[in-house]
Amino acid sequence: ERGSEDIDILPNGLAFISSGLKYPGLKSFAPDKPGEIFLMDLNEEKPRAVELRISRGFDLASFNPHGISTYID
């Protein structure tokens, strides 16, 4: 609903989605809302994006995600 910036899909079908990029000249759908990370399980019959909680102590007010990537060890 506010637009996503990037997505990274793991081999097991879990997708991480970054949202909320604010950049000069780029329309923001929610200018007063901090960025977010969503998780979507593409194995579900009707997948839906669920907002992930970001741990305390993280500066959410300035969170402005531009891209996303995952690392599998």
Protein backbone atom coordinates (compact mmCIF):
# COMPACT_ATOMS: atom_id res chain seq x y z
CA GLU A 1 0.00 0.00 0.00
CA ARG A 2 2.99 2.35 0.44
CA GLY A 3 5.14 0.76 -2.24
CA SER A 4 8.18 -1.44 -1.89
CA GLU A 5 11.75 -0.57 -2.80
CA ASP A 6 13.34 -4.01 -3.16
CA ILE A 7 12.74 -7.73 -2.61
CA ASP A 8 15.04 -10.69 -1.95
CA ILE A 9 13.67 -14.22 -2.19
CA LEU A 10 15.38 -17.07 -0.36
CA PRO A 11 15.57 -20.60 -1.85
CA ASN A 12 12.94 -21.77 0.68
CA GLY A 13 10.34 -19.31 -0.67
CA LEU A 14 10.57 -16.63 2.03
CA ALA A 15 10.68 -13.13 0.59
CA PHE A 16 12.05 -10.08 2.43
CA ILE A 17 10.70 -6.75 1.19
CA SER A 18 12.05 -3.29 2.00
CA SER A 19 9.62 -0.39 1.97
CA GLY A 20 9.54 3.29 2.78
CA LEU A 21 12.40 4.78 0.77
CA LYS A 22 12.42 8.56 0.98
CA TYR A 23 14.56 10.31 -1.61
CA PRO A 24 14.46 13.90 -2.94
CA GLY A 25 12.26 14.06 -6.03
CA LEU A 26 10.75 10.61 -5.40
CA LYS A 27 7.08 10.50 -4.40
CA SER A 28 6.59 9.11 -0.90
CA PHE A 29 3.29 7.36 -0.17
CA ALA A 30 3.75 7.81 3.60
CA PRO A 31 6.21 10.68 4.18
CA ASP A 32 5.80 10.68 7.98
CA LYS A 33 6.16 6.90 8.42
CA PRO A 34 9.59 5.28 8.91
CA GLY A 35 10.83 2.54 6.61
CA GLU A 36 9.77 -1.06 7.13
CA ILE A 37 10.82 -4.62 6.34
CA PHE A 38 8.15 -7.17 5.42
CA LEU A 39 8.24 -10.95 5.18
CA MET A 40 6.14 -12.93 2.70
CA ASP A 41 5.97 -16.74 2.53
CA LEU A 42 5.53 -17.53 -1.16
CA ASN A 43 4.73 -21.16 -0.28
CA GLU A 44 1.35 -20.14 1.15
CA GLU A 45 -1.76 -20.46 -1.01
CA LYS A 46 -2.54 -16.76 -0.53
CA PRO A 47 0.75 -15.08 0.44
CA ARG A 48 0.57 -11.78 2.28
CA ALA A 49 3.26 -9.40 3.46
CA VAL A 50 3.68 -9.22 7.24
CA GLU A 51 5.61 -6.35 8.81
CA LEU A 52 8.60 -7.53 10.83
CA ARG A 53 9.18 -5.99 14.25
CA ILE A 54 12.51 -4.23 14.51
CA SER A 55 14.29 -4.65 17.84
CA ARG A 56 14.43 -1.93 20.46
CA GLY A 57 17.34 0.44 20.39
CA PHE A 58 17.22 0.73 16.59
CA ASP A 59 16.69 4.29 15.30
CA LEU A 60 13.38 3.75 13.49
CA ALA A 61 12.80 7.45 12.90
CA SER A 62 15.71 7.59 10.46
CA PHE A 63 15.21 4.12 8.94
CA ASN A 64 15.19 4.67 5.18
CA PRO A 65 15.82 1.29 3.49
CA HIS A 66 17.27 1.39 0.00
CA GLY A 67 17.56 -2.17 -1.24
CA ILE A 68 17.81 -5.43 0.65
CA SER A 69 19.94 -8.52 0.41
CA THR A 70 20.33 -11.71 2.41
CA TYR A 71 23.33 -13.81 3.31
CA ILE A 72 23.08 -17.58 3.72
CA ASP A 73 25.88 -19.27 5.62
